[in-house]
Amino acid sequence: MNPRVKSVKAIQNYLLEIVFNNDEKKKFDIKPYLNFGIFKELKDYKLFQTATAKLGTVSWENGLDICPDTLYLESE
């Protein structure tokens, strides 16, 4: 099992700065997802900035979340 999200901060240019429960700090670029399905809603930058760590992943106030494995494996 991959590490889970401990904390997250939405930063400029649709990036998420994530700290995982193994204390690794990575950045996840959400831009490639912004043209697909419900992720289109995150083009609203104010909504994007509502990112919070919840139950080991990142979620937004509209109920959207991302698989924690995707966050870990695709972050740099």
C-alpha atoms as a PDB file:
ATOM      1  CA  MET A   1       0.000   0.000   0.000  1.00  0.00           C
ATOM      2  CA  ASN A   2       1.284   3.445  -0.911  1.00  0.00           C
ATOM      3  CA  PRO A   3       1.517   6.247   1.653  1.00  0.00           C
ATOM      4  CA  ARG A   4      -1.566   8.333   2.339  1.00  0.00           C
ATOM      5  CA  VAL A   5      -1.974  12.114   2.396  1.00  0.00           C
ATOM      6  CA  LYS A   6      -1.204  13.755   5.720  1.00  0.00           C
ATOM      7  CA  SER A   7      -1.540  17.374   4.582  1.00  0.00           C
ATOM      8  CA  VAL A   8      -2.074  19.334   1.391  1.00  0.00           C
ATOM      9  CA  LYS A   9      -1.782  22.908   0.221  1.00  0.00           C
ATOM     10  CA  ALA A  10      -3.111  24.223  -3.089  1.00  0.00           C
ATOM     11  CA  ILE A  11      -0.421  26.397  -4.642  1.00  0.00           C
ATOM     12  CA  GLN A  12      -0.134  28.442  -7.813  1.00  0.00           C
ATOM     13  CA  ASN A  13      -0.533  27.005 -11.296  1.00  0.00           C
ATOM     14  CA  TYR A  14      -2.919  24.207 -10.193  1.00  0.00           C
ATOM     15  CA  LEU A  15      -0.312  22.365  -8.162  1.00  0.00           C
ATOM     16  CA  LEU A  16      -0.895  20.560  -4.903  1.00  0.00           C
ATOM     17  CA  GLU A  17       1.904  20.457  -2.364  1.00  0.00           C
ATOM     18  CA  ILE A  18       1.354  17.204  -0.499  1.00  0.00           C
ATOM     19  CA  VAL A  19       2.944  15.705   2.605  1.00  0.00           C
ATOM     20  CA  PHE A  20       2.380  11.970   2.874  1.00  0.00           C
ATOM     21  CA  ASN A  21       2.241   9.942   6.083  1.00  0.00           C
ATOM     22  CA  ASN A  22       5.790   8.689   5.422  1.00  0.00           C
ATOM     23  CA  ASP A  23       6.850  12.395   5.579  1.00  0.00           C
ATOM     24  CA  GLU A  24       7.663  12.599   1.866  1.00  0.00           C
ATOM     25  CA  LYS A  25       6.790  15.976   0.369  1.00  0.00           C
ATOM     26  CA  LYS A  26       5.732  15.999  -3.282  1.00  0.00           C
ATOM     27  CA  LYS A  27       3.914  18.165  -5.820  1.00  0.00           C
ATOM     28  CA  PHE A  28       0.966  16.929  -7.861  1.00  0.00           C
ATOM     29  CA  ASP A  29      -0.022  18.738 -11.069  1.00  0.00           C
ATOM     30  CA  ILE A  30      -3.803  18.721 -11.468  1.00  0.00           C
ATOM     31  CA  LYS A  31      -3.753  20.463 -14.888  1.00  0.00           C
ATOM     32  CA  PRO A  32      -3.827  17.229 -16.972  1.00  0.00           C
ATOM     33  CA  TYR A  33      -7.130  16.315 -15.283  1.00  0.00           C
ATOM     34  CA  LEU A  34      -8.932  19.636 -15.762  1.00  0.00           C
ATOM     35  CA  ASN A  35     -10.577  18.682 -19.074  1.00  0.00           C
ATOM     36  CA  PHE A  36     -12.113  15.414 -17.858  1.00  0.00           C
ATOM     37  CA  GLY A  37     -15.418  14.708 -16.145  1.00  0.00           C
ATOM     38  CA  ILE A  38     -16.047  16.246 -12.774  1.00  0.00           C
ATOM     39  CA  PHE A  39     -12.449  17.513 -12.615  1.00  0.00           C
ATOM     40  CA  LYS A  40     -13.546  20.313 -14.980  1.00  0.00           C
ATOM     41  CA  GLU A  41     -15.100  21.949 -11.917  1.00  0.00           C
ATOM     42  CA  LEU A  42     -11.604  22.522 -10.525  1.00  0.00           C
ATOM     43  CA  LYS A  43     -10.936  25.047 -13.290  1.00  0.00           C
ATOM     44  CA  ASP A  44     -12.689  27.372 -10.845  1.00  0.00           C
ATOM     45  CA  TYR A  45      -9.524  28.426  -9.032  1.00  0.00           C
ATOM     46  CA  LYS A  46     -11.411  29.342  -5.869  1.00  0.00           C
ATOM     47  CA  LEU A  47     -12.771  25.790  -5.705  1.00  0.00           C
ATOM     48  CA  PHE A  48      -9.323  24.334  -6.443  1.00  0.00           C
ATOM     49  CA  GLN A  49      -7.932  26.247  -3.467  1.00  0.00           C
ATOM     50  CA  THR A  50     -10.360  24.479  -1.091  1.00  0.00           C
ATOM     51  CA  ALA A  51      -8.237  21.298  -1.257  1.00  0.00           C
ATOM     52  CA  THR A  52      -7.944  19.565   2.117  1.00  0.00           C
ATOM     53  CA  ALA A  53      -6.487  16.316   3.405  1.00  0.00           C
ATOM     54  CA  LYS A  54      -9.322  13.982   4.335  1.00  0.00           C
ATOM     55  CA  LEU A  55      -9.272  10.236   5.023  1.00  0.00           C
ATOM     56  CA  GLY A  56      -5.805   9.836   3.521  1.00  0.00           C
ATOM     57  CA  THR A  57      -6.472  11.642   0.271  1.00  0.00           C
ATOM     58  CA  VAL A  58      -7.196  15.115  -1.112  1.00  0.00           C
ATOM     59  CA  SER A  59     -10.767  16.324  -1.354  1.00  0.00           C
ATOM     60  CA  TRP A  60     -12.521  19.554  -2.256  1.00  0.00           C
ATOM     61  CA  GLU A  61     -15.622  21.206  -0.843  1.00  0.00           C
ATOM     62  CA  ASN A  62     -17.711  19.997  -3.809  1.00  0.00           C
ATOM     63  CA  GLY A  63     -17.076  16.376  -2.706  1.00  0.00           C
ATOM     64  CA  LEU A  64     -14.499  15.554  -5.376  1.00  0.00           C
ATOM     65  CA  ASP A  65     -11.473  13.516  -4.331  1.00  0.00           C
ATOM     66  CA  ILE A  66      -8.566  11.717  -5.985  1.00  0.00           C
ATOM     67  CA  CYS A  67      -7.273   8.207  -5.390  1.00  0.00           C
ATOM     68  CA  PRO A  68      -4.403   8.478  -2.896  1.00  0.00           C
ATOM     69  CA  ASP A  69      -2.369   5.972  -4.924  1.00  0.00           C
ATOM     70  CA  THR A  70      -2.624   8.232  -7.977  1.00  0.00           C
ATOM     71  CA  LEU A  71      -1.519  11.202  -5.896  1.00  0.00           C
ATOM     72  CA  TYR A  72       1.527   9.366  -4.600  1.00  0.00           C
ATOM     73  CA  LEU A  73       2.589   7.638  -7.820  1.00  0.00           C
ATOM     74  CA  GLU A  74       2.095  10.644 -10.122  1.00  0.00           C
ATOM     75  CA  SER A  75       3.571  13.300  -7.844  1.00  0.00           C
ATOM     76  CA  GLU A  76       7.090  14.594  -8.229  1.00  0.00           C
END
